Amino acid sequence: MDRNYIHPGLIVAAIFALVLASGCAGVHPLPGGNSTPASAGTPEGAVGLPEPSFKGNVSVEEALRERRSVRVYAEVPLTLSDLGQVLWAAQGVTNDRGYRTAPSAGALYPLEVYVVAGNIMGLEPGIYHYRPGEHLLIQTASGDQRAALQAAAVNQTSVGDAPVTIVIAAVPDRTTAKYGERGMRYVSMEAGHAAENVYLQAQAINLGTVTIGAFDDGEVREVLGLPGNTTPLYLMPVGRPVPGSGGDGGTPVGGGG
């Protein structure tokens, strides 16, 4: 047999073996510990969010100038695209190394984002956990929990009236394990970065929000069913502003301006 000749069947078999080997090996994270783990499959009951938009019609400068805290919302539902865009702004993944829209000390990402949904088209009322890597929601509790969350937030009506409230929470140990006590400062800074992203993104897509820091930590934990190592930091009700009401710069309970 001609030694330069390789039977086509042997080529196919070799390619098939390589495919099997690569599949068994899995996807390896990139060096530096900042990669997003590959999904092992979409969890049961997960809600996929529409792909976020990466280009808008409002400049950063315009959003900064027009941003105000909004506490009164129109009685209209938001879309799943609206919600997904705001969540992506808060903690969305922006490259294949797992970096996110908000900076994080040591790229440790202690923040966890939850959603208390009551009036979102295409989404059952309930509590959801945002998964940035897959840009999806995992339902953790069913039913409209807005009234319970409002009660936990010293009865601030914006929490009960908004179609949805974004809850920015944190697992401080992720940061303090490396930076010690000073890590708590970094966690608070990071929550502020994420909250401002939500403000600006909301402004850019004609939504309104307000940062709320006045609430009973234990009650919010109970409403959301948060793990013991997770601390709620911000409540951010989000909705469509009422035309003519404007943003207010008064003295809010726990944030705003």
C-alpha atoms as a PDB file:
ATOM      1  CA  MET A   1       0.000   0.000   0.000  1.00  0.00           C
ATOM      2  CA  ASP A   2       1.185   3.514  -0.774  1.00  0.00           C
ATOM      3  CA  ARG A   3       2.495   4.927   2.520  1.00  0.00           C
ATOM      4  CA  ASN A   4       1.455   8.440   1.477  1.00  0.00           C
ATOM      5  CA  TYR A   5      -2.143   7.364   1.167  1.00  0.00           C
ATOM      6  CA  ILE A   6      -4.432   7.667   4.222  1.00  0.00           C
ATOM      7  CA  HIS A   7      -7.819   6.044   4.042  1.00  0.00           C
ATOM      8  CA  PRO A   8     -10.659   8.629   4.346  1.00  0.00           C
ATOM      9  CA  GLY A   9     -12.298   6.491   7.013  1.00  0.00           C
ATOM     10  CA  LEU A  10      -9.270   6.903   9.261  1.00  0.00           C
ATOM     11  CA  ILE A  11      -9.470  10.707   8.908  1.00  0.00           C
ATOM     12  CA  VAL A  12     -13.147  10.730   9.923  1.00  0.00           C
ATOM     13  CA  ALA A  13     -12.416   8.477  12.895  1.00  0.00           C
ATOM     14  CA  ALA A  14      -9.598  10.741  14.057  1.00  0.00           C
ATOM     15  CA  ILE A  15     -11.770  13.857  13.856  1.00  0.00           C
ATOM     16  CA  PHE A  16     -14.562  12.113  15.760  1.00  0.00           C
ATOM     17  CA  ALA A  17     -12.127  11.103  18.513  1.00  0.00           C
ATOM     18  CA  LEU A  18     -10.903  14.691  18.855  1.00  0.00           C
ATOM     19  CA  VAL A  19     -14.458  16.005  19.166  1.00  0.00           C
ATOM     20  CA  LEU A  20     -15.217  13.470  21.892  1.00  0.00           C
ATOM     21  CA  ALA A  21     -12.037  14.329  23.744  1.00  0.00           C
ATOM     22  CA  SER A  22     -12.719  18.071  23.678  1.00  0.00           C
ATOM     23  CA  GLY A  23     -16.278  17.541  24.857  1.00  0.00           C
ATOM     24  CA  CYS A  24     -15.161  15.433  27.805  1.00  0.00           C
ATOM     25  CA  ALA A  25     -12.479  17.926  28.758  1.00  0.00           C
ATOM     26  CA  GLY A  26     -15.040  20.699  29.247  1.00  0.00           C
ATOM     27  CA  VAL A  27     -14.458  24.445  29.079  1.00  0.00           C
ATOM     28  CA  HIS A  28     -11.492  25.686  31.099  1.00  0.00           C
ATOM     29  CA  PRO A  29     -11.640  29.096  32.772  1.00  0.00           C
ATOM     30  CA  LEU A  30      -9.257  31.749  31.631  1.00  0.00           C
ATOM     31  CA  PRO A  31      -6.297  32.596  33.863  1.00  0.00           C
ATOM     32  CA  GLY A  32      -6.791  35.180  36.576  1.00  0.00           C
ATOM     33  CA  GLY A  33      -9.963  33.820  38.156  1.00  0.00           C
ATOM     34  CA  ASN A  34     -12.256  36.260  36.320  1.00  0.00           C
ATOM     35  CA  SER A  35     -13.904  33.946  33.836  1.00  0.00           C
ATOM     36  CA  THR A  36     -17.608  33.172  33.907  1.00  0.00           C
ATOM     37  CA  PRO A  37     -18.185  29.439  34.458  1.00  0.00           C
ATOM     38  CA  ALA A  38     -19.847  27.659  31.574  1.00  0.00           C
ATOM     39  CA  SER A  39     -23.491  26.881  32.202  1.00  0.00           C
ATOM     40  CA  ALA A  40     -24.247  23.225  32.815  1.00  0.00           C
ATOM     41  CA  GLY A  41     -27.661  23.772  31.275  1.00  0.00           C
ATOM     42  CA  THR A  42     -30.510  26.160  31.881  1.00  0.00           C
ATOM     43  CA  PRO A  43     -32.045  25.425  35.300  1.00  0.00           C
ATOM     44  CA  GLU A  44     -35.657  24.288  35.471  1.00  0.00           C
ATOM     45  CA  GLY A  45     -38.019  27.234  35.803  1.00  0.00           C
ATOM     46  CA  ALA A  46     -35.454  29.744  34.570  1.00  0.00           C
ATOM     47  CA  VAL A  47     -36.645  32.751  32.589  1.00  0.00           C
ATOM     48  CA  GLY A  48     -34.358  33.846  29.790  1.00  0.00           C
ATOM     49  CA  LEU A  49     -34.121  37.599  29.317  1.00  0.00           C
ATOM     50  CA  PRO A  50     -34.002  39.309  25.901  1.00  0.00           C
ATOM     51  CA  GLU A  51     -30.528  40.193  24.671  1.00  0.00           C
ATOM     52  CA  PRO A  52     -29.621  43.617  26.069  1.00  0.00           C
ATOM     53  CA  SER A  53     -29.085  46.544  23.749  1.00  0.00           C
ATOM     54  CA  PHE A  54     -25.518  47.859  23.580  1.00  0.00           C
ATOM     55  CA  LYS A  55     -26.346  51.117  21.828  1.00  0.00           C
ATOM     56  CA  GLY A  56     -29.041  53.650  22.656  1.00  0.00           C
ATOM     57  CA  ASN A  57     -30.418  57.000  21.579  1.00  0.00           C
ATOM     58  CA  VAL A  58     -29.483  58.879  24.758  1.00  0.00           C
ATOM     59  CA  SER A  59     -25.905  59.937  25.433  1.00  0.00           C
ATOM     60  CA  VAL A  60     -24.212  59.443  28.795  1.00  0.00           C
ATOM     61  CA  GLU A  61     -24.110  63.231  29.169  1.00  0.00           C
ATOM     62  CA  GLU A  62     -27.865  63.537  28.584  1.00  0.00           C
ATOM     63  CA  ALA A  63     -28.633  60.757  31.057  1.00  0.00           C
ATOM     64  CA  LEU A  64     -26.422  62.393  33.689  1.00  0.00           C
ATOM     65  CA  ARG A  65     -28.093  65.759  33.202  1.00  0.00           C
ATOM     66  CA  GLU A  66     -31.653  64.437  33.286  1.00  0.00           C
ATOM     67  CA  ARG A  67     -31.311  61.793  36.006  1.00  0.00           C
ATOM     68  CA  ARG A  68     -33.566  62.374  38.985  1.00  0.00           C
ATOM     69  CA  SER A  69     -35.069  60.170  41.672  1.00  0.00           C
ATOM     70  CA  VAL A  70     -38.591  59.105  40.725  1.00  0.00           C
ATOM     71  CA  ARG A  71     -41.048  57.808  43.317  1.00  0.00           C
ATOM     72  CA  VAL A  72     -44.360  57.998  41.440  1.00  0.00           C
ATOM     73  CA  TYR A  73     -44.972  55.521  38.633  1.00  0.00           C
ATOM     74  CA  ALA A  74     -47.625  55.106  35.978  1.00  0.00           C
ATOM     75  CA  GLU A  75     -49.907  52.099  36.407  1.00  0.00           C
ATOM     76  CA  VAL A  76     -48.559  50.385  33.316  1.00  0.00           C
ATOM     77  CA  PRO A  77     -46.540  47.185  33.096  1.00  0.00           C
ATOM     78  CA  LEU A  78     -42.901  47.088  32.084  1.00  0.00           C
ATOM     79  CA  THR A  79     -41.655  44.724  29.418  1.00  0.00           C
ATOM     80  CA  LEU A  80     -39.236  41.874  29.955  1.00  0.00           C
ATOM     81  CA  SER A  81     -36.807  43.806  27.743  1.00  0.00           C
ATOM     82  CA  ASP A  82     -37.051  46.815  30.083  1.00  0.00           C
ATOM     83  CA  LEU A  83     -36.263  44.631  33.078  1.00  0.00           C
ATOM     84  CA  GLY A  84     -33.461  42.776  31.349  1.00  0.00           C
ATOM     85  CA  GLN A  85     -31.804  46.001  30.225  1.00  0.00           C
ATOM     86  CA  VAL A  86     -31.828  47.432  33.751  1.00  0.00           C
ATOM     87  CA  LEU A  87     -30.464  44.203  35.246  1.00  0.00           C
ATOM     88  CA  TRP A  88     -27.708  44.076  32.644  1.00  0.00           C
ATOM     89  CA  ALA A  89     -26.774  47.656  33.526  1.00  0.00           C
ATOM     90  CA  ALA A  90     -26.528  46.684  37.189  1.00  0.00           C
ATOM     91  CA  GLN A  91     -24.381  43.565  36.875  1.00  0.00           C
ATOM     92  CA  GLY A  92     -24.327  42.338  33.285  1.00  0.00           C
ATOM     93  CA  VAL A  93     -21.310  40.479  31.949  1.00  0.00           C
ATOM     94  CA  THR A  94     -19.453  42.471  29.306  1.00  0.00           C
ATOM     95  CA  ASN A  95     -16.737  40.118  28.024  1.00  0.00           C
ATOM     96  CA  ASP A  96     -15.662  36.492  27.960  1.00  0.00           C
ATOM     97  CA  ARG A  97     -13.522  36.929  31.075  1.00  0.00           C
ATOM     98  CA  GLY A  98     -16.607  37.618  33.136  1.00  0.00           C
ATOM     99  CA  TYR A  99     -16.015  41.314  33.767  1.00  0.00           C
ATOM    100  CA  ARG A 100     -19.203  43.232  34.515  1.00  0.00           C
ATOM    101  CA  THR A 101     -20.794  46.614  33.932  1.00  0.00           C
ATOM    102  CA  ALA A 102     -19.782  47.808  37.415  1.00  0.00           C
ATOM    103  CA  PRO A 103     -16.183  47.690  38.716  1.00  0.00           C
ATOM    104  CA  SER A 104     -15.358  45.343  41.575  1.00  0.00           C
ATOM    105  CA  ALA A 105     -12.370  45.323  43.947  1.00  0.00           C
ATOM    106  CA  GLY A 106     -10.209  42.380  42.934  1.00  0.00           C
ATOM    107  CA  ALA A 107     -12.906  41.341  40.440  1.00  0.00           C
ATOM    108  CA  LEU A 108     -14.486  39.366  43.294  1.00  0.00           C
ATOM    109  CA  TYR A 109     -18.082  40.438  42.539  1.00  0.00           C
ATOM    110  CA  PRO A 110     -19.815  40.213  45.938  1.00  0.00           C
ATOM    111  CA  LEU A 111     -23.107  41.653  44.650  1.00  0.00           C
ATOM    112  CA  GLU A 112     -26.232  39.562  44.142  1.00  0.00           C
ATOM    113  CA  VAL A 113     -29.252  41.092  42.429  1.00  0.00           C
ATOM    114  CA  TYR A 114     -32.830  40.061  43.162  1.00  0.00           C
ATOM    115  CA  VAL A 115     -36.092  41.115  41.538  1.00  0.00           C
ATOM    116  CA  VAL A 116     -39.444  41.573  43.274  1.00  0.00           C
ATOM    117  CA  ALA A 117     -41.773  41.564  40.279  1.00  0.00           C
ATOM    118  CA  GLY A 118     -45.439  42.468  40.273  1.00  0.00           C
ATOM    119  CA  ASN A 119     -46.326  43.902  36.873  1.00  0.00           C
ATOM    120  CA  ILE A 120     -43.940  42.752  34.151  1.00  0.00           C
ATOM    121  CA  MET A 121     -45.380  41.534  30.849  1.00  0.00           C
ATOM    122  CA  GLY A 122     -44.420  37.918  30.257  1.00  0.00           C
ATOM    123  CA  LEU A 123     -43.205  37.368  33.828  1.00  0.00           C
ATOM    124  CA  GLU A 124     -45.243  35.845  36.648  1.00  0.00           C
ATOM    125  CA  PRO A 125     -45.322  37.924  39.835  1.00  0.00           C
ATOM    126  CA  GLY A 126     -42.749  36.639  42.264  1.00  0.00           C
ATOM    127  CA  ILE A 127     -39.184  36.931  43.505  1.00  0.00           C
ATOM    128  CA  TYR A 128     -36.309  36.173  41.167  1.00  0.00           C
ATOM    129  CA  HIS A 129     -32.536  35.914  41.386  1.00  0.00           C
ATOM    130  CA  TYR A 130     -30.586  37.411  38.473  1.00  0.00           C
ATOM    131  CA  ARG A 131     -27.836  35.247  36.976  1.00  0.00           C
ATOM    132  CA  PRO A 132     -25.483  37.648  35.109  1.00  0.00           C
ATOM    133  CA  GLY A 133     -23.464  34.958  33.345  1.00  0.00           C
ATOM    134  CA  GLU A 134     -26.485  33.553  31.538  1.00  0.00           C
ATOM    135  CA  HIS A 135     -28.568  36.776  31.639  1.00  0.00           C
ATOM    136  CA  LEU A 136     -31.561  34.977  33.075  1.00  0.00           C
ATOM    137  CA  LEU A 137     -33.809  34.893  36.121  1.00  0.00           C
ATOM    138  CA  ILE A 138     -34.354  32.048  38.564  1.00  0.00           C
ATOM    139  CA  GLN A 139     -37.650  32.209  40.432  1.00  0.00           C
ATOM    140  CA  THR A 140     -37.169  31.766  44.173  1.00  0.00           C
ATOM    141  CA  ALA A 141     -40.720  32.545  45.341  1.00  0.00           C
ATOM    142  CA  SER A 142     -44.099  32.956  43.659  1.00  0.00           C
ATOM    143  CA  GLY A 143     -46.805  35.545  44.125  1.00  0.00           C
ATOM    144  CA  ASP A 144     -46.785  39.328  44.302  1.00  0.00           C
ATOM    145  CA  GLN A 145     -44.535  40.227  47.245  1.00  0.00           C
ATOM    146  CA  ARG A 146     -44.487  43.995  46.705  1.00  0.00           C
ATOM    147  CA  ALA A 147     -46.732  44.796  49.698  1.00  0.00           C
ATOM    148  CA  ALA A 148     -44.537  42.703  52.007  1.00  0.00           C
ATOM    149  CA  LEU A 149     -41.413  44.430  50.723  1.00  0.00           C
ATOM    150  CA  GLN A 150     -43.062  47.840  51.169  1.00  0.00           C
ATOM    151  CA  ALA A 151     -43.815  46.976  54.796  1.00  0.00           C
ATOM    152  CA  ALA A 152     -40.155  46.010  55.289  1.00  0.00           C
ATOM    153  CA  ALA A 153     -39.115  49.363  53.810  1.00  0.00           C
ATOM    154  CA  VAL A 154     -40.864  51.459  56.484  1.00  0.00           C
ATOM    155  CA  ASN A 155     -43.960  51.485  54.278  1.00  0.00           C
ATOM    156  CA  GLN A 156     -42.478  53.551  51.443  1.00  0.00           C
ATOM    157  CA  THR A 157     -45.217  53.518  48.817  1.00  0.00           C
ATOM    158  CA  SER A 158     -42.860  53.603  45.832  1.00  0.00           C
ATOM    159  CA  VAL A 159     -41.842  50.025  46.669  1.00  0.00           C
ATOM    160  CA  GLY A 160     -45.424  48.815  46.603  1.00  0.00           C
ATOM    161  CA  ASP A 161     -46.508  50.874  43.600  1.00  0.00           C
ATOM    162  CA  ALA A 162     -43.631  50.218  41.180  1.00  0.00           C
ATOM    163  CA  PRO A 163     -44.037  47.358  38.708  1.00  0.00           C
ATOM    164  CA  VAL A 164     -40.763  45.917  39.990  1.00  0.00           C
ATOM    165  CA  THR A 165     -38.145  46.547  42.650  1.00  0.00           C
ATOM    166  CA  ILE A 166     -34.509  45.676  42.082  1.00  0.00           C
ATOM    167  CA  VAL A 167     -32.764  44.552  45.265  1.00  0.00           C
ATOM    168  CA  ILE A 168     -28.991  44.917  45.346  1.00  0.00           C
ATOM    169  CA  ALA A 169     -27.563  42.601  47.986  1.00  0.00           C
ATOM    170  CA  ALA A 170     -24.049  41.382  48.741  1.00  0.00           C
ATOM    171  CA  VAL A 171     -22.074  38.452  50.075  1.00  0.00           C
ATOM    172  CA  PRO A 172     -19.376  40.476  51.891  1.00  0.00           C
ATOM    173  CA  ASP A 173     -17.177  37.438  52.610  1.00  0.00           C
ATOM    174  CA  ARG A 174     -16.203  37.281  48.953  1.00  0.00           C
ATOM    175  CA  THR A 175     -14.397  40.586  49.365  1.00  0.00           C
ATOM    176  CA  THR A 176     -13.387  40.598  53.032  1.00  0.00           C
ATOM    177  CA  ALA A 177     -11.691  37.217  52.637  1.00  0.00           C
ATOM    178  CA  LYS A 178      -9.050  39.046  50.595  1.00  0.00           C
ATOM    179  CA  TYR A 179      -9.154  42.609  51.909  1.00  0.00           C
ATOM    180  CA  GLY A 180     -10.160  42.110  55.537  1.00  0.00           C
ATOM    181  CA  GLU A 181     -12.243  44.719  57.316  1.00  0.00           C
ATOM    182  CA  ARG A 182     -11.574  47.300  54.604  1.00  0.00           C
ATOM    183  CA  GLY A 183     -13.363  45.024  52.182  1.00  0.00           C
ATOM    184  CA  MET A 184     -16.687  46.188  53.625  1.00  0.00           C
ATOM    185  CA  ARG A 185     -15.918  49.649  52.257  1.00  0.00           C
ATOM    186  CA  TYR A 186     -15.251  48.158  48.838  1.00  0.00           C
ATOM    187  CA  VAL A 187     -18.555  46.273  48.912  1.00  0.00           C
ATOM    188  CA  SER A 188     -20.452  49.475  49.669  1.00  0.00           C
ATOM    189  CA  MET A 189     -18.612  51.286  46.881  1.00  0.00           C
ATOM    190  CA  GLU A 190     -19.532  48.545  44.444  1.00  0.00           C
ATOM    191  CA  ALA A 191     -23.200  48.725  45.375  1.00  0.00           C
ATOM    192  CA  GLY A 192     -23.067  52.450  44.621  1.00  0.00           C
ATOM    193  CA  HIS A 193     -21.500  51.791  41.212  1.00  0.00           C
ATOM    194  CA  ALA A 194     -24.265  49.320  40.327  1.00  0.00           C
ATOM    195  CA  ALA A 195     -27.024  51.604  41.598  1.00  0.00           C
ATOM    196  CA  GLU A 196     -25.813  54.542  39.514  1.00  0.00           C
ATOM    197  CA  ASN A 197     -25.741  52.269  36.468  1.00  0.00           C
ATOM    198  CA  VAL A 198     -29.395  51.447  37.120  1.00  0.00           C
ATOM    199  CA  TYR A 199     -30.227  55.162  37.446  1.00  0.00           C
ATOM    200  CA  LEU A 200     -28.564  56.063  34.150  1.00  0.00           C
ATOM    201  CA  GLN A 201     -29.918  53.071  32.258  1.00  0.00           C
ATOM    202  CA  ALA A 202     -33.437  53.791  33.510  1.00  0.00           C
ATOM    203  CA  GLN A 203     -33.150  57.394  32.365  1.00  0.00           C
ATOM    204  CA  ALA A 204     -31.900  56.305  28.952  1.00  0.00           C
ATOM    205  CA  ILE A 205     -34.946  54.088  28.309  1.00  0.00           C
ATOM    206  CA  ASN A 206     -37.558  56.452  29.793  1.00  0.00           C
ATOM    207  CA  LEU A 207     -37.910  54.721  33.137  1.00  0.00           C
ATOM    208  CA  GLY A 208     -37.565  56.099  36.633  1.00  0.00           C
ATOM    209  CA  THR A 209     -36.087  54.777  39.857  1.00  0.00           C
ATOM    210  CA  VAL A 210     -34.945  55.803  43.326  1.00  0.00           C
ATOM    211  CA  THR A 211     -32.373  54.365  45.718  1.00  0.00           C
ATOM    212  CA  ILE A 212     -33.811  53.311  49.065  1.00  0.00           C
ATOM    213  CA  GLY A 213     -31.605  52.456  52.008  1.00  0.00           C
ATOM    214  CA  ALA A 214     -34.150  52.747  54.827  1.00  0.00           C
ATOM    215  CA  PHE A 215     -35.511  49.291  55.529  1.00  0.00           C
ATOM    216  CA  ASP A 216     -35.402  46.547  58.112  1.00  0.00           C
ATOM    217  CA  ASP A 217     -32.601  44.214  57.065  1.00  0.00           C
ATOM    218  CA  GLY A 218     -34.113  41.195  58.759  1.00  0.00           C
ATOM    219  CA  GLU A 219     -37.538  41.737  57.230  1.00  0.00           C
ATOM    220  CA  VAL A 220     -36.124  42.210  53.735  1.00  0.00           C
ATOM    221  CA  ARG A 221     -34.088  39.034  54.190  1.00  0.00           C
ATOM    222  CA  GLU A 222     -37.255  37.202  55.202  1.00  0.00           C
ATOM    223  CA  VAL A 223     -39.325  38.498  52.277  1.00  0.00           C
ATOM    224  CA  LEU A 224     -36.632  37.543  49.780  1.00  0.00           C
ATOM    225  CA  GLY A 225     -35.565  34.344  51.536  1.00  0.00           C
ATOM    226  CA  LEU A 226     -31.930  35.481  51.404  1.00  0.00           C
ATOM    227  CA  PRO A 227     -29.170  33.147  52.593  1.00  0.00           C
ATOM    228  CA  GLY A 228     -27.659  34.032  55.961  1.00  0.00           C
ATOM    229  CA  ASN A 229     -24.427  35.287  54.387  1.00  0.00           C
ATOM    230  CA  THR A 230     -26.245  37.762  52.132  1.00  0.00           C
ATOM    231  CA  THR A 231     -26.895  41.376  53.155  1.00  0.00           C
ATOM    232  CA  PRO A 232     -29.465  43.633  51.418  1.00  0.00           C
ATOM    233  CA  LEU A 233     -27.980  47.050  50.586  1.00  0.00           C
ATOM    234  CA  TYR A 234     -30.356  48.863  48.225  1.00  0.00           C
ATOM    235  CA  LEU A 235     -33.963  48.701  47.127  1.00  0.00           C
ATOM    236  CA  MET A 236     -34.586  50.332  43.735  1.00  0.00           C
ATOM    237  CA  PRO A 237     -38.225  50.445  42.598  1.00  0.00           C
ATOM    238  CA  VAL A 238     -38.419  50.887  38.834  1.00  0.00           C
ATOM    239  CA  GLY A 239     -41.326  52.059  36.718  1.00  0.00           C
ATOM    240  CA  ARG A 240     -42.557  54.378  34.003  1.00  0.00           C
ATOM    241  CA  PRO A 241     -42.621  57.979  35.303  1.00  0.00           C
ATOM    242  CA  VAL A 242     -45.988  59.707  35.441  1.00  0.00           C
ATOM    243  CA  PRO A 243     -45.971  62.440  32.750  1.00  0.00           C
ATOM    244  CA  GLY A 244     -45.664  65.857  34.317  1.00  0.00           C
ATOM    245  CA  SER A 245     -44.753  64.583  37.781  1.00  0.00           C
ATOM    246  CA  GLY A 246     -41.041  65.087  37.231  1.00  0.00           C
ATOM    247  CA  GLY A 247     -38.251  63.765  39.423  1.00  0.00           C
ATOM    248  CA  ASP A 248     -38.164  65.018  42.958  1.00  0.00           C
ATOM    249  CA  GLY A 249     -35.197  66.360  44.812  1.00  0.00           C
ATOM    250  CA  GLY A 250     -36.809  66.416  48.223  1.00  0.00           C
ATOM    251  CA  THR A 251     -35.679  64.625  51.330  1.00  0.00           C
ATOM    252  CA  PRO A 252     -36.424  60.936  50.786  1.00  0.00           C
ATOM    253  CA  VAL A 253     -36.372  58.120  53.267  1.00  0.00           C
ATOM    254  CA  GLY A 254     -33.115  56.394  52.581  1.00  0.00           C
ATOM    255  CA  GLY A 255     -31.923  57.897  49.312  1.00  0.00           C
ATOM    256  CA  GLY A 256     -32.772  59.872  46.216  1.00  0.00           C
ATOM    257  CA  GLY A 257     -32.304  63.348  44.811  1.00  0.00           C
END
